[in-house]
């Protein structure tokens, strides 16, 4: 279950990728500022997740696992394998 923090919430990402061995897409719930979620719902403008993903949310975030990069950023851990904070 995603952590709840004042000012942050999670939203699902819809990303289409081409894979040769496992499905054709990958979906995550991302951490996004709550005020931006409301703005996006009203205006249809894209939101920006902690990990940098930009999209217009349309699905229930509780149906998806939390993005590992958003989770690491939220917890204050380095993103990526080299520890320098890059994806």
PDB file of N, CA and C in Angstrom:
ATOM      1  N   UNK A   1       0.847  -1.181   0.000  1.00  0.00           N
ATOM      2  CA  UNK A   1       0.000   0.000   0.000  1.00  0.00           C
ATOM      3  C   UNK A   1       0.891   1.242   0.000  1.00  0.00           C
ATOM      4  N   UNK A   2       0.631   2.216  -0.830  1.00  0.00           N
ATOM      5  CA  UNK A   2       1.448   3.429  -0.888  1.00  0.00           C
ATOM      6  C   UNK A   2       1.386   4.211   0.419  1.00  0.00           C
ATOM      7  N   UNK A   3       2.477   4.854   0.745  1.00  0.00           N
ATOM      8  CA  UNK A   3       2.531   5.710   1.918  1.00  0.00           C
ATOM      9  C   UNK A   3       1.776   6.996   1.648  1.00  0.00           C
ATOM     10  N   UNK A   4       1.111   7.517   2.662  1.00  0.00           N
ATOM     11  CA  UNK A   4       0.407   8.784   2.523  1.00  0.00           C
ATOM     12  C   UNK A   4       1.205   9.873   3.225  1.00  0.00           C
ATOM     13  N   UNK A   5       1.465  10.951   2.549  1.00  0.00           N
ATOM     14  CA  UNK A   5       2.209  12.082   3.076  1.00  0.00           C
ATOM     15  C   UNK A   5       1.442  13.344   2.740  1.00  0.00           C
ATOM     16  N   UNK A   6       1.370  14.284   3.682  1.00  0.00           N
ATOM     17  CA  UNK A   6       0.686  15.533   3.358  1.00  0.00           C
ATOM     18  C   UNK A   6       1.269  16.165   2.096  1.00  0.00           C
ATOM     19  N   UNK A   7       0.413  16.515   1.157  1.00  0.00           N
ATOM     20  CA  UNK A   7       0.862  17.164  -0.068  1.00  0.00           C
ATOM     21  C   UNK A   7       1.257  16.221  -1.184  1.00  0.00           C
ATOM     22  N   UNK A   8       1.346  14.905  -0.902  1.00  0.00           N
ATOM     23  CA  UNK A   8       1.698  13.933  -1.943  1.00  0.00           C
ATOM     24  C   UNK A   8       0.663  12.828  -1.983  1.00  0.00           C
ATOM     25  N   UNK A   9       0.452  12.294  -3.162  1.00  0.00           N
ATOM     26  CA  UNK A   9      -0.437  11.169  -3.346  1.00  0.00           C
ATOM     27  C   UNK A   9       0.127  10.350  -4.499  1.00  0.00           C
ATOM     28  N   UNK A  10      -0.492   9.230  -4.818  1.00  0.00           N
ATOM     29  CA  UNK A  10      -0.019   8.418  -5.935  1.00  0.00           C
ATOM     30  C   UNK A  10      -1.040   8.403  -7.045  1.00  0.00           C
ATOM     31  N   UNK A  11      -0.543   8.299  -8.274  1.00  0.00           N
ATOM     32  CA  UNK A  11      -1.385   8.183  -9.447  1.00  0.00           C
ATOM     33  C   UNK A  11      -0.773   7.146 -10.374  1.00  0.00           C
ATOM     34  N   UNK A  12      -1.592   6.427 -11.128  1.00  0.00           N
ATOM     35  CA  UNK A  12      -1.047   5.429 -12.033  1.00  0.00           C
ATOM     36  C   UNK A  12      -0.431   6.057 -13.274  1.00  0.00           C
ATOM     37  N   UNK A  13       0.563   5.393 -13.781  1.00  0.00           N
ATOM     38  CA  UNK A  13       1.198   5.782 -15.040  1.00  0.00           C
ATOM     39  C   UNK A  13       0.768   4.769 -16.080  1.00  0.00           C
ATOM     40  N   UNK A  14       0.562   5.207 -17.270  1.00  0.00           N
ATOM     41  CA  UNK A  14       0.311   4.297 -18.377  1.00  0.00           C
ATOM     42  C   UNK A  14       1.436   4.487 -19.369  1.00  0.00           C
ATOM     43  N   UNK A  15       2.289   3.496 -19.485  1.00  0.00           N
ATOM     44  CA  UNK A  15       3.450   3.588 -20.368  1.00  0.00           C
ATOM     45  C   UNK A  15       3.434   2.396 -21.307  1.00  0.00           C
ATOM     46  N   UNK A  16       3.480   2.655 -22.583  1.00  0.00           N
ATOM     47  CA  UNK A  16       3.533   1.586 -23.563  1.00  0.00           C
ATOM     48  C   UNK A  16       4.966   1.423 -24.040  1.00  0.00           C
ATOM     49  N   UNK A  17       5.445   0.199 -23.959  1.00  0.00           N
ATOM     50  CA  UNK A  17       6.797  -0.124 -24.413  1.00  0.00           C
ATOM     51  C   UNK A  17       6.740  -1.407 -25.217  1.00  0.00           C
ATOM     52  N   UNK A  18       7.711  -1.612 -26.058  1.00  0.00           N
ATOM     53  CA  UNK A  18       7.793  -2.841 -26.823  1.00  0.00           C
ATOM     54  C   UNK A  18       8.738  -3.805 -26.124  1.00  0.00           C
ATOM     55  N   UNK A  19       8.206  -4.982 -25.803  1.00  0.00           N
ATOM     56  CA  UNK A  19       9.003  -6.019 -25.139  1.00  0.00           C
ATOM     57  C   UNK A  19       8.945  -7.270 -26.000  1.00  0.00           C
ATOM     58  N   UNK A  20       9.994  -8.048 -25.950  1.00  0.00           N
ATOM     59  CA  UNK A  20      10.002  -9.265 -26.735  1.00  0.00           C
ATOM     60  C   UNK A  20       9.577 -10.479 -25.931  1.00  0.00           C
ATOM     61  N   UNK A  21       9.683 -10.410 -24.575  1.00  0.00           N
ATOM     62  CA  UNK A  21       9.383 -11.602 -23.804  1.00  0.00           C
ATOM     63  C   UNK A  21       8.316 -11.422 -22.727  1.00  0.00           C
ATOM     64  N   UNK A  22       7.946 -10.205 -22.352  1.00  0.00           N
ATOM     65  CA  UNK A  22       6.983 -10.017 -21.279  1.00  0.00           C
ATOM     66  C   UNK A  22       6.003  -8.891 -21.594  1.00  0.00           C
ATOM     67  N   UNK A  23       4.858  -9.206 -22.138  1.00  0.00           N
ATOM     68  CA  UNK A  23       3.820  -8.196 -22.351  1.00  0.00           C
ATOM     69  C   UNK A  23       4.271  -7.008 -23.171  1.00  0.00           C
ATOM     70  N   UNK A  24       3.374  -6.038 -23.295  1.00  0.00           N
ATOM     71  CA  UNK A  24       3.717  -4.878 -24.107  1.00  0.00           C
ATOM     72  C   UNK A  24       3.580  -3.572 -23.346  1.00  0.00           C
ATOM     73  N   UNK A  25       3.345  -3.617 -22.034  1.00  0.00           N
ATOM     74  CA  UNK A  25       3.247  -2.372 -21.289  1.00  0.00           C
ATOM     75  C   UNK A  25       3.614  -2.584 -19.821  1.00  0.00           C
ATOM     76  N   UNK A  26       3.812  -1.483 -19.152  1.00  0.00           N
ATOM     77  CA  UNK A  26       4.190  -1.495 -17.752  1.00  0.00           C
ATOM     78  C   UNK A  26       3.425  -0.360 -17.076  1.00  0.00           C
ATOM     79  N   UNK A  27       2.810  -0.621 -15.939  1.00  0.00           N
ATOM     80  CA  UNK A  27       2.017   0.403 -15.253  1.00  0.00           C
ATOM     81  C   UNK A  27       2.449   0.518 -13.803  1.00  0.00           C
ATOM     82  N   UNK A  28       2.525   1.756 -13.327  1.00  0.00           N
ATOM     83  CA  UNK A  28       2.863   2.042 -11.944  1.00  0.00           C
ATOM     84  C   UNK A  28       1.989   3.159 -11.415  1.00  0.00           C
ATOM     85  N   UNK A  29       1.860   3.222 -10.108  1.00  0.00           N
ATOM     86  CA  UNK A  29       1.286   4.383  -9.437  1.00  0.00           C
ATOM     87  C   UNK A  29       2.469   5.251  -9.022  1.00  0.00           C
ATOM     88  N   UNK A  30       2.380   6.561  -9.243  1.00  0.00           N
ATOM     89  CA  UNK A  30       3.479   7.480  -8.956  1.00  0.00           C
ATOM     90  C   UNK A  30       3.095   8.465  -7.871  1.00  0.00           C
ATOM     91  N   UNK A  31       4.102   8.972  -7.165  1.00  0.00           N
ATOM     92  CA  UNK A  31       3.883  10.045  -6.199  1.00  0.00           C
ATOM     93  C   UNK A  31       3.815  11.379  -6.941  1.00  0.00           C
ATOM     94  N   UNK A  32       2.721  12.132  -6.665  1.00  0.00           N
ATOM     95  CA  UNK A  32       2.467  13.419  -7.300  1.00  0.00           C
ATOM     96  C   UNK A  32       1.878  14.341  -6.239  1.00  0.00           C
ATOM     97  N   UNK A  33       2.176  15.641  -6.326  1.00  0.00           N
ATOM     98  CA  UNK A  33       1.599  16.604  -5.388  1.00  0.00           C
ATOM     99  C   UNK A  33       0.076  16.571  -5.504  1.00  0.00           C
ATOM    100  N   UNK A  34      -0.608  16.494  -4.356  1.00  0.00           N
ATOM    101  CA  UNK A  34      -2.069  16.396  -4.354  1.00  0.00           C
ATOM    102  C   UNK A  34      -2.741  17.570  -5.063  1.00  0.00           C
ATOM    103  N   UNK A  35      -2.208  18.778  -4.882  1.00  0.00           N
ATOM    104  CA  UNK A  35      -2.843  19.927  -5.545  1.00  0.00           C
ATOM    105  C   UNK A  35      -2.761  19.813  -7.064  1.00  0.00           C
ATOM    106  N   UNK A  36      -1.725  19.170  -7.563  1.00  0.00           N
ATOM    107  CA  UNK A  36      -1.586  18.981  -9.015  1.00  0.00           C
ATOM    108  C   UNK A  36      -2.553  17.924  -9.527  1.00  0.00           C
ATOM    109  N   UNK A  37      -2.906  16.958  -8.672  1.00  0.00           N
ATOM    110  CA  UNK A  37      -3.874  15.936  -9.060  1.00  0.00           C
ATOM    111  C   UNK A  37      -5.230  16.592  -9.299  1.00  0.00           C
ATOM    112  N   UNK A  38      -5.629  17.456  -8.377  1.00  0.00           N
ATOM    113  CA  UNK A  38      -6.905  18.160  -8.508  1.00  0.00           C
ATOM    114  C   UNK A  38      -6.888  19.039  -9.757  1.00  0.00           C
ATOM    115  N   UNK A  39      -5.804  19.779  -9.946  1.00  0.00           N
ATOM    116  CA  UNK A  39      -5.687  20.644 -11.123  1.00  0.00           C
ATOM    117  C   UNK A  39      -5.806  19.831 -12.407  1.00  0.00           C
ATOM    118  N   UNK A  40      -5.136  18.684 -12.454  1.00  0.00           N
ATOM    119  CA  UNK A  40      -5.182  17.839 -13.639  1.00  0.00           C
ATOM    120  C   UNK A  40      -6.585  17.310 -13.881  1.00  0.00           C
ATOM    121  N   UNK A  41      -7.270  16.929 -12.807  1.00  0.00           N
ATOM    122  CA  UNK A  41      -8.634  16.418 -12.942  1.00  0.00           C
ATOM    123  C   UNK A  41      -9.568  17.479 -13.509  1.00  0.00           C
ATOM    124  N   UNK A  42      -9.349  18.730 -13.127  1.00  0.00           N
ATOM    125  CA  UNK A  42     -10.219  19.824 -13.577  1.00  0.00           C
ATOM    126  C   UNK A  42      -9.850  20.288 -14.983  1.00  0.00           C
ATOM    127  N   UNK A  43      -8.557  20.456 -15.240  1.00  0.00           N
ATOM    128  CA  UNK A  43      -8.120  21.065 -16.505  1.00  0.00           C
ATOM    129  C   UNK A  43      -7.608  20.075 -17.544  1.00  0.00           C
ATOM    130  N   UNK A  44      -7.253  18.859 -17.114  1.00  0.00           N
ATOM    131  CA  UNK A  44      -6.696  17.880 -18.048  1.00  0.00           C
ATOM    132  C   UNK A  44      -5.224  18.099 -18.341  1.00  0.00           C
ATOM    133  N   UNK A  45      -4.565  18.953 -17.544  1.00  0.00           N
ATOM    134  CA  UNK A  45      -3.139  19.189 -17.751  1.00  0.00           C
ATOM    135  C   UNK A  45      -2.323  18.040 -17.173  1.00  0.00           C
ATOM    136  N   UNK A  46      -1.175  17.738 -17.745  1.00  0.00           N
ATOM    137  CA  UNK A  46      -0.323  16.658 -17.243  1.00  0.00           C
ATOM    138  C   UNK A  46       0.220  16.969 -15.852  1.00  0.00           C
ATOM    139  N   UNK A  47       0.535  15.900 -15.117  1.00  0.00           N
ATOM    140  CA  UNK A  47       1.179  16.009 -13.812  1.00  0.00           C
ATOM    141  C   UNK A  47       2.608  15.507 -13.943  1.00  0.00           C
ATOM    142  N   UNK A  48       3.454  15.871 -12.965  1.00  0.00           N
ATOM    143  CA  UNK A  48       4.845  15.414 -12.952  1.00  0.00           C
ATOM    144  C   UNK A  48       5.063  14.641 -11.658  1.00  0.00           C
ATOM    145  N   UNK A  49       5.478  13.396 -11.774  1.00  0.00           N
ATOM    146  CA  UNK A  49       5.748  12.545 -10.619  1.00  0.00           C
ATOM    147  C   UNK A  49       7.118  12.861 -10.034  1.00  0.00           C
ATOM    148  N   UNK A  50       7.367  12.373  -8.822  1.00  0.00           N
ATOM    149  CA  UNK A  50       8.681  12.569  -8.200  1.00  0.00           C
ATOM    150  C   UNK A  50       9.803  12.049  -9.082  1.00  0.00           C
ATOM    151  N   UNK A  51       9.549  10.974  -9.821  1.00  0.00           N
ATOM    152  CA  UNK A  51      10.575  10.376 -10.672  1.00  0.00           C
ATOM    153  C   UNK A  51      10.762  11.134 -11.984  1.00  0.00           C
ATOM    154  N   UNK A  52       9.890  12.113 -12.257  1.00  0.00           N
ATOM    155  CA  UNK A  52      10.004  12.884 -13.493  1.00  0.00           C
ATOM    156  C   UNK A  52       9.017  12.486 -14.569  1.00  0.00           C
ATOM    157  N   UNK A  53       8.292  11.402 -14.381  1.00  0.00           N
ATOM    158  CA  UNK A  53       7.295  10.967 -15.358  1.00  0.00           C
ATOM    159  C   UNK A  53       6.227  12.039 -15.504  1.00  0.00           C
ATOM    160  N   UNK A  54       5.871  12.375 -16.753  1.00  0.00           N
ATOM    161  CA  UNK A  54       4.841  13.383 -17.048  1.00  0.00           C
ATOM    162  C   UNK A  54       3.731  12.691 -17.831  1.00  0.00           C
ATOM    163  N   UNK A  55       2.488  12.818 -17.350  1.00  0.00           N
ATOM    164  CA  UNK A  55       1.351  12.213 -18.021  1.00  0.00           C
ATOM    165  C   UNK A  55       0.048  12.781 -17.469  1.00  0.00           C
ATOM    166  N   UNK A  56      -1.041  12.514 -18.149  1.00  0.00           N
ATOM    167  CA  UNK A  56      -2.367  12.912 -17.674  1.00  0.00           C
ATOM    168  C   UNK A  56      -3.000  11.660 -17.062  1.00  0.00           C
ATOM    169  N   UNK A  57      -3.201  11.658 -15.752  1.00  0.00           N
ATOM    170  CA  UNK A  57      -3.739  10.464 -15.092  1.00  0.00           C
ATOM    171  C   UNK A  57      -5.208  10.237 -15.429  1.00  0.00           C
ATOM    172  N   UNK A  58      -5.557   8.957 -15.615  1.00  0.00           N
ATOM    173  CA  UNK A  58      -6.939   8.604 -15.929  1.00  0.00           C
ATOM    174  C   UNK A  58      -7.413   7.364 -15.184  1.00  0.00           C
ATOM    175  N   UNK A  59      -6.545   6.713 -14.411  1.00  0.00           N
ATOM    176  CA  UNK A  59      -6.923   5.445 -13.776  1.00  0.00           C
ATOM    177  C   UNK A  59      -6.739   5.479 -12.266  1.00  0.00           C
ATOM    178  N   UNK A  60      -7.364   4.530 -11.595  1.00  0.00           N
ATOM    179  CA  UNK A  60      -7.307   4.400 -10.144  1.00  0.00           C
ATOM    180  C   UNK A  60      -5.914   3.909  -9.730  1.00  0.00           C
ATOM    181  N   UNK A  61      -5.150   4.710  -8.954  1.00  0.00           N
ATOM    182  CA  UNK A  61      -3.787   4.329  -8.588  1.00  0.00           C
ATOM    183  C   UNK A  61      -3.710   3.119  -7.662  1.00  0.00           C
ATOM    184  N   UNK A  62      -4.787   2.817  -6.960  1.00  0.00           N
ATOM    185  CA  UNK A  62      -4.739   1.676  -6.035  1.00  0.00           C
ATOM    186  C   UNK A  62      -4.634   0.341  -6.765  1.00  0.00           C
ATOM    187  N   UNK A  63      -4.852   0.342  -8.061  1.00  0.00           N
ATOM    188  CA  UNK A  63      -4.777  -0.889  -8.855  1.00  0.00           C
ATOM    189  C   UNK A  63      -3.367  -1.210  -9.328  1.00  0.00           C
ATOM    190  N   UNK A  64      -2.387  -0.349  -9.031  1.00  0.00           N
ATOM    191  CA  UNK A  64      -1.042  -0.522  -9.569  1.00  0.00           C
ATOM    192  C   UNK A  64       0.007  -0.497  -8.468  1.00  0.00           C
ATOM    193  N   UNK A  65       1.143  -1.153  -8.688  1.00  0.00           N
ATOM    194  CA  UNK A  65       2.240  -1.051  -7.717  1.00  0.00           C
ATOM    195  C   UNK A  65       2.880   0.334  -7.797  1.00  0.00           C
ATOM    196  N   UNK A  66       3.480   0.770  -6.699  1.00  0.00           N
ATOM    197  CA  UNK A  66       4.135   2.083  -6.666  1.00  0.00           C
ATOM    198  C   UNK A  66       5.430   2.029  -7.473  1.00  0.00           C
ATOM    199  N   UNK A  67       5.668   3.083  -8.232  1.00  0.00           N
ATOM    200  CA  UNK A  67       6.887   3.218  -9.027  1.00  0.00           C
ATOM    201  C   UNK A  67       8.105   3.104  -8.103  1.00  0.00           C
ATOM    202  N   UNK A  68       9.049   2.223  -8.408  1.00  0.00           N
ATOM    203  CA  UNK A  68      10.222   2.072  -7.550  1.00  0.00           C
ATOM    204  C   UNK A  68      11.058   3.352  -7.432  1.00  0.00           C
ATOM    205  N   UNK A  69      11.175   4.121  -8.508  1.00  0.00           N
ATOM    206  CA  UNK A  69      11.949   5.368  -8.447  1.00  0.00           C
ATOM    207  C   UNK A  69      11.257   6.406  -7.571  1.00  0.00           C
ATOM    208  N   UNK A  70       9.932   6.543  -7.710  1.00  0.00           N
ATOM    209  CA  UNK A  70       9.193   7.471  -6.838  1.00  0.00           C
ATOM    210  C   UNK A  70       9.352   7.051  -5.376  1.00  0.00           C
ATOM    211  N   UNK A  71       9.266   5.754  -5.123  1.00  0.00           N
ATOM    212  CA  UNK A  71       9.391   5.251  -3.751  1.00  0.00           C
ATOM    213  C   UNK A  71      10.767   5.578  -3.180  1.00  0.00           C
ATOM    214  N   UNK A  72      11.830   5.364  -3.971  1.00  0.00           N
ATOM    215  CA  UNK A  72      13.198   5.665  -3.507  1.00  0.00           C
ATOM    216  C   UNK A  72      13.354   7.161  -3.217  1.00  0.00           C
ATOM    217  N   UNK A  73      12.824   7.996  -4.103  1.00  0.00           N
ATOM    218  CA  UNK A  73      12.914   9.449  -3.908  1.00  0.00           C
ATOM    219  C   UNK A  73      12.139   9.846  -2.658  1.00  0.00           C
ATOM    220  N   UNK A  74      10.948   9.317  -2.512  1.00  0.00           N
ATOM    221  CA  UNK A  74      10.114   9.608  -1.354  1.00  0.00           C
ATOM    222  C   UNK A  74      10.834   9.241  -0.050  1.00  0.00           C
ATOM    223  N   UNK A  75      11.524   8.107  -0.078  1.00  0.00           N
ATOM    224  CA  UNK A  75      12.234   7.630   1.111  1.00  0.00           C
ATOM    225  C   UNK A  75      13.608   8.273   1.272  1.00  0.00           C
ATOM    226  N   UNK A  76      14.019   9.110   0.306  1.00  0.00           N
ATOM    227  CA  UNK A  76      15.304   9.793   0.399  1.00  0.00           C
ATOM    228  C   UNK A  76      16.494   8.944   0.003  1.00  0.00           C
ATOM    229  N   UNK A  77      16.241   7.847  -0.715  1.00  0.00           N
ATOM    230  CA  UNK A  77      17.318   6.971  -1.176  1.00  0.00           C
ATOM    231  C   UNK A  77      17.725   7.351  -2.593  1.00  0.00           C
ATOM    232  N   UNK A  78      18.973   7.083  -2.975  1.00  0.00           N
ATOM    233  CA  UNK A  78      19.410   7.374  -4.346  1.00  0.00           C
ATOM    234  C   UNK A  78      18.629   6.550  -5.370  1.00  0.00           C
ATOM    235  N   UNK A  79      18.363   7.143  -6.514  1.00  0.00           N
ATOM    236  CA  UNK A  79      17.674   6.455  -7.604  1.00  0.00           C
ATOM    237  C   UNK A  79      18.733   5.936  -8.564  1.00  0.00           C
ATOM    238  N   UNK A  80      18.548   4.720  -9.052  1.00  0.00           N
ATOM    239  CA  UNK A  80      19.490   4.134 -10.003  1.00  0.00           C
ATOM    240  C   UNK A  80      20.539   3.319  -9.279  1.00  0.00           C
ATOM    241  N   UNK A  81      21.245   2.495 -10.040  1.00  0.00           N
ATOM    242  CA  UNK A  81      22.211   1.567  -9.463  1.00  0.00           C
ATOM    243  C   UNK A  81      23.539   2.196  -9.070  1.00  0.00           C
ATOM    244  N   UNK A  82      23.880   3.393  -9.595  1.00  0.00           N
ATOM    245  CA  UNK A  82      25.186   3.947  -9.319  1.00  0.00           C
ATOM    246  C   UNK A  82      25.197   4.918  -8.147  1.00  0.00           C
ATOM    247  N   UNK A  83      24.020   5.151  -7.541  1.00  0.00           N
ATOM    248  CA  UNK A  83      23.963   5.985  -6.337  1.00  0.00           C
ATOM    249  C   UNK A  83      24.089   7.479  -6.581  1.00  0.00           C
ATOM    250  N   UNK A  84      24.091   7.920  -7.850  1.00  0.00           N
ATOM    251  CA  UNK A  84      24.234   9.345  -8.101  1.00  0.00           C
ATOM    252  C   UNK A  84      22.905  10.050  -8.347  1.00  0.00           C
ATOM    253  N   UNK A  85      21.776   9.314  -8.152  1.00  0.00           N
ATOM    254  CA  UNK A  85      20.470   9.922  -8.284  1.00  0.00           C
ATOM    255  C   UNK A  85      19.928   9.974  -9.698  1.00  0.00           C
ATOM    256  N   UNK A  86      20.632   9.418 -10.662  1.00  0.00           N
ATOM    257  CA  UNK A  86      20.145   9.404 -12.035  1.00  0.00           C
ATOM    258  C   UNK A  86      19.411   8.113 -12.309  1.00  0.00           C
ATOM    259  N   UNK A  87      18.456   8.160 -13.262  1.00  0.00           N
ATOM    260  CA  UNK A  87      17.696   6.971 -13.656  1.00  0.00           C
ATOM    261  C   UNK A  87      18.563   6.075 -14.493  1.00  0.00           C
TER     262      UNK A  87
END
